[in-house]
Protein backbone atom coordinates (compact mmCIF):
# COMPACT_ATOMS: atom_id res chain seq x y z
CA MET A 1 -7.44 -52.31 6.91
CA LYS A 2 -10.17 -54.47 8.38
CA LYS A 3 -7.60 -56.96 9.58
CA LEU A 4 -5.57 -54.20 11.20
CA VAL A 5 -8.67 -53.21 13.13
CA VAL A 6 -8.91 -56.79 14.34
CA ILE A 7 -5.31 -56.54 15.48
CA LEU A 8 -6.13 -53.35 17.33
CA LEU A 9 -9.08 -54.98 19.05
CA ALA A 10 -6.65 -57.56 20.41
CA LEU A 11 -4.98 -54.75 22.32
CA PHE A 12 -8.25 -53.37 23.70
CA MET A 13 -9.71 -56.70 24.75
CA ALA A 14 -6.46 -57.99 26.27
CA LEU A 15 -6.45 -60.98 23.94
CA THR A 16 -3.28 -62.97 24.09
CA LEU A 17 -0.71 -64.60 21.90
CA THR A 18 0.39 -68.17 21.61
CA ALA A 19 3.09 -69.30 24.00
CA CYS A 20 5.10 -72.16 22.58
CA GLY A 21 5.30 -74.08 25.84
CA LYS A 22 3.55 -74.36 29.17
CA LYS A 23 1.70 -71.41 30.71
CA GLU A 24 3.29 -69.91 33.79
CA GLU A 25 1.32 -68.34 36.60
CA GLY A 26 0.50 -64.77 35.62
CA GLN A 27 1.34 -65.50 32.00
CA GLN A 28 -0.89 -64.48 29.12
CA GLY A 29 -1.39 -67.44 26.83
CA GLY A 30 -3.80 -69.00 24.36
CA GLU A 31 -4.02 -68.78 20.59
CA ALA A 32 -3.72 -65.50 18.77
CA GLN A 33 -7.10 -64.02 17.90
CA TYR A 34 -6.19 -62.34 14.64
CA ASP A 35 -5.00 -63.09 11.12
CA PRO A 36 -2.16 -60.68 10.34
CA ASP A 37 -2.34 -58.61 7.17
CA PRO A 38 0.04 -59.69 4.37
CA GLU A 39 2.25 -56.68 5.12
CA TRP A 40 2.83 -58.16 8.55
CA GLN A 41 4.16 -61.41 7.13
CA TRP A 42 7.84 -61.93 7.85
CA VAL A 43 10.53 -62.31 5.24
CA GLY A 44 14.24 -62.85 5.56
CA GLU A 45 16.66 -65.64 6.28
CA ILE A 46 15.36 -68.45 8.49
CA HIS A 47 17.62 -70.32 10.94
CA PRO A 48 16.13 -73.76 11.69
CA GLU A 49 19.52 -74.94 12.98
CA VAL A 50 19.15 -72.71 16.07
CA THR A 51 17.35 -74.64 18.80
CA GLY A 52 16.65 -74.41 22.50
CA ASP A 53 14.41 -72.74 25.06
CA LEU A 54 13.97 -69.05 25.73
CA MET A 55 11.97 -67.39 28.53
CA VAL A 56 11.03 -63.75 28.04
CA TYR A 57 9.45 -61.48 30.64
CA SER A 58 7.62 -58.74 28.74
CA THR A 59 5.83 -55.52 29.66
CA MET A 60 4.44 -54.98 26.18
CA ALA A 61 0.80 -54.91 25.14
CA ASP A 62 -0.25 -57.64 22.71
CA LEU A 63 -0.03 -55.66 19.47
CA GLU A 64 3.49 -54.43 20.19
CA PHE A 65 4.66 -57.77 21.60
CA SER A 66 3.43 -59.59 18.49
CA ILE A 67 6.05 -57.84 16.37
CA PHE A 68 8.87 -59.29 18.48
CA TYR A 69 7.22 -62.63 19.18
CA GLU A 70 6.09 -63.48 15.65
CA GLY A 71 9.24 -62.16 14.01
CA PHE A 72 11.60 -64.11 16.22
CA GLY A 73 9.44 -67.20 15.82
CA HIS A 74 9.63 -66.88 12.05
CA LYS A 75 13.38 -66.45 11.98
CA TYR A 76 14.11 -69.12 14.61
CA PRO A 77 11.25 -71.62 14.24
CA ASN A 78 12.90 -74.30 16.38
CA VAL A 79 13.35 -72.12 19.44
CA ASN A 80 10.77 -72.85 22.11
CA MET A 81 9.88 -69.37 23.33
CA GLU A 82 7.75 -68.86 26.42
CA TYR A 83 6.78 -65.57 27.97
CA VAL A 84 5.28 -63.90 31.00
CA ASN A 85 3.52 -60.57 30.65
CA ALA A 86 3.30 -58.12 33.56
CA GLY A 87 4.24 -54.61 34.64
CA ALA A 88 7.87 -53.52 34.82
CA GLY A 89 7.93 -53.24 38.61
CA GLU A 90 6.47 -56.70 39.07
CA LEU A 91 8.89 -58.25 36.58
CA LYS A 92 11.96 -56.62 38.13
CA SER A 93 10.84 -57.84 41.56
CA ARG A 94 10.39 -61.32 40.14
CA ILE A 95 13.84 -61.30 38.52
CA GLU A 96 15.36 -60.14 41.78
CA ALA A 97 13.56 -62.85 43.76
CA GLU A 98 14.80 -65.48 41.29
CA SER A 99 18.38 -64.18 41.17
CA ALA A 100 19.85 -67.20 42.95
CA ASN A 101 18.22 -69.45 40.35
CA PRO A 102 17.24 -67.34 37.30
CA GLN A 103 14.11 -68.49 35.48
CA CYS A 104 14.12 -65.79 32.81
CA ASP A 105 16.52 -65.01 29.98
CA VAL A 106 15.41 -61.59 28.74
CA MET A 107 13.28 -58.72 30.00
CA LEU A 108 11.59 -57.16 26.97
CA GLY A 109 10.48 -53.53 27.29
CA GLY A 110 9.68 -51.42 30.31
CA LEU A 111 13.31 -50.63 31.11
CA VAL A 112 14.40 -46.99 31.26
CA TYR A 113 17.65 -45.18 31.96
CA SER A 114 17.22 -45.25 35.75
CA ASP A 115 17.19 -49.07 35.64
CA ALA A 116 20.80 -49.05 34.42
CA ILE A 117 21.74 -47.33 37.68
CA ASN A 118 19.25 -48.67 40.22
CA TYR A 119 18.85 -52.25 38.93
CA ALA A 120 22.12 -52.90 37.09
CA ASN A 121 22.80 -55.92 39.33
CA LEU A 122 19.79 -57.71 37.79
CA PHE A 123 21.10 -57.63 34.24
CA GLU A 124 23.99 -59.08 32.26
CA PRO A 125 26.41 -56.68 30.56
CA TYR A 126 25.95 -57.05 26.81
CA VAL A 127 26.32 -54.77 23.80
CA SER A 128 24.66 -56.15 20.69
CA VAL A 129 26.49 -56.76 17.45
CA ASN A 130 23.82 -54.53 15.89
CA ASN A 131 24.43 -51.63 18.27
CA SER A 132 26.14 -49.49 15.61
CA LYS A 133 22.99 -49.58 13.47
CA MET A 134 21.13 -47.51 16.02
CA SER A 135 21.05 -43.73 15.94
CA GLU A 136 23.66 -42.11 18.16
CA ASP A 137 21.32 -41.40 21.09
CA ALA A 138 19.81 -44.89 20.83
CA GLN A 139 23.06 -46.82 21.10
CA ASN A 140 23.73 -48.86 24.22
CA GLN A 141 26.02 -46.75 26.35
CA THR A 142 24.92 -48.17 29.71
CA GLY A 143 26.42 -51.60 29.05
CA VAL A 144 23.22 -53.43 30.01
CA LEU A 145 20.25 -51.73 28.30
CA THR A 146 19.56 -52.23 24.59
CA TRP A 147 17.21 -49.46 23.42
CA ILE A 148 14.45 -50.86 21.24
CA THR A 149 11.63 -48.29 21.15
CA ASP A 150 11.14 -44.57 21.59
CA GLN A 151 8.10 -43.18 23.42
CA VAL A 152 6.54 -39.75 23.47
CA VAL A 153 4.44 -38.73 26.48
CA ASN A 154 1.03 -37.50 25.33
CA LEU A 155 -2.57 -37.07 26.35
CA VAL A 156 -5.25 -39.45 25.14
CA VAL A 157 -8.62 -37.71 25.08
CA ASN A 158 -12.18 -39.00 24.77
CA THR A 159 -13.64 -36.05 22.91
CA LYS A 160 -17.24 -37.12 23.53
CA VAL A 161 -16.80 -37.22 27.31
CA CYS A 162 -14.90 -33.94 27.28
CA GLU A 163 -17.65 -32.31 25.23
CA GLU A 164 -20.25 -33.53 27.72
CA LEU A 165 -18.17 -32.07 30.55
CA GLY A 166 -17.70 -28.80 28.67
CA VAL A 167 -13.89 -28.92 28.67
CA GLU A 168 -11.12 -28.75 26.10
CA VAL A 169 -7.82 -30.40 26.94
CA LYS A 170 -4.65 -29.14 25.25
CA GLY A 171 -2.03 -29.61 27.93
CA TYR A 172 -0.99 -29.98 31.54
CA ASN A 173 -2.70 -26.83 32.80
CA ASP A 174 -6.07 -27.95 31.42
CA LEU A 175 -5.90 -31.02 33.67
CA LEU A 176 -6.42 -28.71 36.65
CA ASN A 177 -9.93 -27.79 35.45
CA PRO A 178 -12.38 -28.64 38.30
CA LYS A 179 -14.80 -30.04 35.70
CA LEU A 180 -12.33 -32.91 35.20
CA GLN A 181 -12.35 -33.89 38.88
CA GLY A 182 -12.08 -37.70 39.02
CA MET A 183 -12.12 -38.02 35.21
CA ILE A 184 -8.34 -38.06 34.65
CA ASN A 185 -6.27 -41.25 34.42
CA VAL A 186 -2.66 -41.28 35.61
CA ALA A 187 -0.55 -44.40 36.19
CA VAL A 188 1.37 -44.90 39.41
CA PRO A 189 5.00 -43.84 38.90
CA THR A 190 6.26 -47.28 39.94
CA THR A 191 5.28 -48.49 36.45
CA SER A 192 7.81 -47.78 33.71
CA SER A 193 5.45 -45.56 31.71
CA GLY A 194 4.14 -43.96 34.89
CA TRP A 195 7.69 -43.03 35.90
CA ASN A 196 8.37 -41.72 32.41
CA ASN A 197 5.19 -39.63 32.56
CA LEU A 198 6.17 -38.19 35.95
CA CYS A 199 9.65 -37.31 34.63
CA SER A 200 8.01 -35.46 31.74
CA MET A 201 5.56 -33.66 34.04
CA LEU A 202 8.29 -32.50 36.42
CA THR A 203 10.59 -31.43 33.59
CA VAL A 204 8.01 -29.55 31.55
CA MET A 205 6.19 -27.88 34.43
CA GLY A 206 9.55 -27.04 36.01
CA ASN A 207 10.55 -25.37 32.73
CA GLY A 208 13.38 -27.84 32.31
CA ASP A 209 14.18 -28.23 36.02
CA ALA A 210 12.61 -31.42 37.36
CA SER A 211 13.65 -30.56 40.91
CA SER A 212 11.99 -27.13 41.01
CA ASP A 213 9.29 -26.06 43.46
CA ALA A 214 7.10 -25.07 40.49
CA ALA A 215 7.20 -28.64 39.17
CA TRP A 216 6.08 -30.15 42.47
CA GLU A 217 3.45 -27.46 43.01
CA TYR A 218 1.89 -28.55 39.73
CA VAL A 219 2.01 -32.23 40.75
CA ASP A 220 0.25 -31.37 44.02
CA LYS A 221 -2.51 -29.49 42.20
CA LEU A 222 -2.98 -32.33 39.70
CA MET A 223 -3.23 -34.90 42.49
CA ALA A 224 -6.09 -32.89 44.00
CA ASN A 225 -8.03 -33.32 40.74
CA LEU A 226 -7.58 -37.10 40.36
CA GLY A 227 -10.42 -38.15 42.64
CA GLY A 228 -8.11 -40.12 44.91
CA LYS A 229 -7.38 -42.81 42.31
CA LEU A 230 -4.32 -43.84 40.31
CA GLN A 231 -4.11 -46.64 37.77
CA SER A 232 -1.94 -49.64 38.59
CA SER A 233 -0.89 -50.15 34.97
CA SER A 234 -0.28 -47.94 31.97
CA SER A 235 -2.66 -49.97 29.80
CA LYS A 236 -5.60 -49.21 32.10
CA VAL A 237 -4.98 -45.51 31.53
CA PHE A 238 -5.76 -45.57 27.82
CA LYS A 239 -8.27 -48.43 27.85
CA GLU A 240 -10.60 -46.59 30.24
CA VAL A 241 -10.38 -43.45 28.11
CA PHE A 242 -11.14 -45.50 24.98
CA ALA A 243 -14.18 -46.95 26.76
CA GLY A 244 -15.44 -43.54 27.89
CA GLU A 245 -14.98 -44.29 31.58
CA LYS A 246 -12.53 -41.39 31.86
CA ALA A 247 -12.23 -38.16 29.88
CA VAL A 248 -8.47 -37.99 29.53
CA GLY A 249 -5.30 -39.90 30.40
CA VAL A 250 -1.59 -39.14 30.60
CA SER A 251 -0.25 -41.90 28.37
CA TYR A 252 2.19 -42.83 25.61
CA GLU A 253 1.96 -42.79 21.84
CA PHE A 254 1.81 -46.32 20.47
CA PRO A 255 -1.64 -47.52 21.62
CA CYS A 256 -3.16 -44.04 21.49
CA VAL A 257 -2.01 -43.11 17.98
CA THR A 258 -2.92 -46.61 16.77
CA ALA A 259 -6.48 -46.10 18.04
CA GLU A 260 -6.73 -42.64 16.46
CA VAL A 261 -5.34 -43.71 13.08
CA GLU A 262 -7.61 -46.75 12.98
CA GLY A 263 -10.62 -44.52 13.60
CA VAL A 264 -11.57 -45.63 17.10
CA ASP A 265 -14.12 -42.92 17.83
CA PRO A 266 -13.98 -40.61 19.77
CA VAL A 267 -10.27 -41.05 20.65
CA LYS A 268 -7.88 -38.17 20.03
CA VAL A 269 -4.15 -37.87 20.75
CA VAL A 270 -3.03 -34.50 22.12
CA TYR A 271 0.58 -33.39 22.52
CA PHE A 272 0.94 -31.12 25.55
CA GLU A 273 1.00 -27.48 24.45
CA GLU A 274 3.44 -26.71 27.30
CA GLY A 275 5.83 -29.32 25.93
CA THR A 276 6.66 -32.98 26.33
CA ILE A 277 9.57 -35.43 26.20
CA HIS A 278 10.49 -38.53 24.28
CA SER A 279 12.54 -41.27 25.87
CA LEU A 280 13.96 -44.65 25.00
CA PHE A 281 12.79 -47.99 26.38
CA ALA A 282 14.99 -51.06 26.44
CA ASP A 283 15.33 -54.79 26.77
CA ALA A 284 18.13 -56.56 28.63
CA ILE A 285 19.56 -59.99 29.40
CA VAL A 286 18.91 -61.27 32.90
CA LYS A 287 22.02 -61.80 35.01
CA ASN A 288 23.23 -65.41 34.65
CA ALA A 289 20.41 -66.18 32.21
CA PRO A 290 19.98 -69.96 31.85
CA HIS A 291 20.04 -69.73 28.04
CA MET A 292 22.65 -67.04 27.58
CA GLU A 293 23.51 -67.54 23.89
CA LEU A 294 19.85 -67.55 22.86
CA ALA A 295 19.29 -64.48 25.00
CA LYS A 296 22.04 -62.66 23.07
CA THR A 297 20.51 -63.85 19.79
CA PHE A 298 17.15 -62.42 20.85
CA ILE A 299 18.67 -59.06 21.87
CA ASP A 300 20.49 -58.86 18.53
CA TRP A 301 17.21 -59.59 16.75
CA THR A 302 15.28 -56.82 18.51
CA ILE A 303 17.49 -54.06 17.05
CA SER A 304 18.12 -55.68 13.67
CA ASP A 305 17.03 -53.86 10.51
CA GLU A 306 14.36 -56.51 10.05
CA CYS A 307 12.75 -56.17 13.48
CA GLN A 308 13.12 -52.40 13.74
CA GLY A 309 11.79 -52.10 10.20
CA LYS A 310 8.69 -54.02 11.20
CA LEU A 311 8.24 -51.72 14.17
CA ALA A 312 8.30 -48.82 11.72
CA THR A 313 5.42 -50.32 9.72
CA SER A 314 3.38 -50.02 12.91
CA LEU A 315 2.90 -46.81 14.86
CA GLN A 316 5.78 -47.47 17.25
CA ARG A 317 8.82 -45.20 17.07
CA GLN A 318 12.14 -47.04 16.91
CA GLY A 319 15.78 -46.05 17.03
CA ASN A 320 17.48 -47.81 14.12
CA ALA A 321 19.25 -45.16 12.00
CA ASN A 322 18.64 -47.22 8.85
CA ILE A 323 14.87 -47.11 9.27
CA THR A 324 12.35 -44.30 8.81
CA ASN A 325 9.46 -44.21 11.26
CA ASN A 326 5.85 -44.38 10.13
CA PRO A 327 4.95 -41.03 8.47
CA ALA A 328 1.65 -41.02 10.37
CA LEU A 329 3.61 -40.20 13.54
CA LYS A 330 3.94 -36.52 14.33
CA PRO A 331 7.50 -35.33 13.63
CA TYR A 332 9.58 -34.19 16.59
CA SER A 333 10.10 -30.90 14.76
CA GLU A 334 6.40 -30.14 15.27
CA MET A 335 6.51 -30.72 19.04
CA LYS A 336 7.87 -28.60 21.84
CA LEU A 337 10.38 -31.04 23.33
CA TYR A 338 12.29 -30.86 26.60
CA LYS A 339 15.43 -32.87 27.24
CA LEU A 340 15.38 -35.08 30.31
CA ASP A 341 18.14 -34.82 32.89
CA ASN A 342 18.49 -38.60 33.01
CA GLU A 343 21.39 -38.59 35.45
CA TYR A 344 19.52 -36.50 38.03
CA LEU A 345 16.25 -38.40 37.61
CA ALA A 346 17.92 -41.82 37.82
CA LYS A 347 20.11 -41.08 40.84
CA ASN A 348 17.26 -39.39 42.69
CA GLN A 349 14.48 -41.79 41.71
CA PRO A 350 13.98 -43.17 45.27
CA GLN A 351 13.69 -39.66 46.74
CA ILE A 352 11.37 -38.52 43.94
CA LEU A 353 9.07 -41.48 44.47
CA GLU A 354 9.13 -40.95 48.24
CA HIS A 355 8.13 -37.31 47.77
CA TRP A 356 5.34 -38.36 45.39
CA ASN A 357 4.02 -40.86 47.95
CA GLU A 358 4.08 -38.28 50.72
CA LEU A 359 2.05 -35.86 48.63
CA TRP A 360 -0.35 -38.57 47.49
CA LYS A 361 -1.27 -39.52 51.06
CA LYS A 362 -3.32 -36.32 51.23
CA TYR A 363 -5.52 -37.35 48.33
CA GLU A 364 -5.56 -41.15 48.18
CA SER A 365 -9.03 -42.63 48.40
CA ASN A 366 -9.58 -45.65 50.66
CA ASN A 367 -12.66 -46.67 48.69
């Protein structure tokens, strides 16, 4: 347990993992700062005959990324894997800028359904040989996105700060409490998690209709209570709540539940009483990837029983039908869940973001 706490601290302190080659600008590198617990040690067939280079652009926080990085490194020890870590928007822009001469093979994480429609030109069509192992809703039906994780939108609450403010937060409506003015963290919707959170907010507060006036009226009221500030990354949302700099954040399960289970006081995960959504996040091969066969090998690995099974030993939901998620995660049957209208949200993403930006101009702080 003590070692798992050390792993968790790696996430909080933005410690980084070992990259097997040179560091790129903007890349997180350096030696890993933890000694994994024995249960995190990898087993299974090793393939030393597979060699070559692989560049991965990843949106994942260190703890989550380590599952993919260490596991692939164990199974394919003679593959020289490098990585760059950044937000989804930044990485997609980088892939687009490099399209004439691709520098990346795989984008790991941060890809949602709308990317299959709005950014399909950036990615190589590929359906993994392991696709049939995934549950029906987690199978690749877009042709380019391989679903690897499942995320629930939730609140992360610093109970000490909330107690000092005299507030209790159970859902979306509680975020409109004037006592929380400037003490709420929300990520910009141009990040993958920020977009996912906005889709949930619009769907739930629109009672299933993300385009409704009621949904946008709620968004407007929430913006007025944010103190003119949004977070540029999803990780800043939960880290500032952990540190007591903010009272509450609209976030996602993995880092928040991990903190709660590991006893990071006074962190509490709250599932919106009005309802929430869960949605899949993907990886994909970059169009004309320089190391195409290794890229396919990596994609296959990410949804293998071995990799998805290791995800399930953590507090990350996964989609492999052969694997049971960690029992510490709240069952879907105990949540009020709304179904996203992915087609509407994806096709109208530019207009939705434009409307968000127009509303935000009224509240954005220049300080």
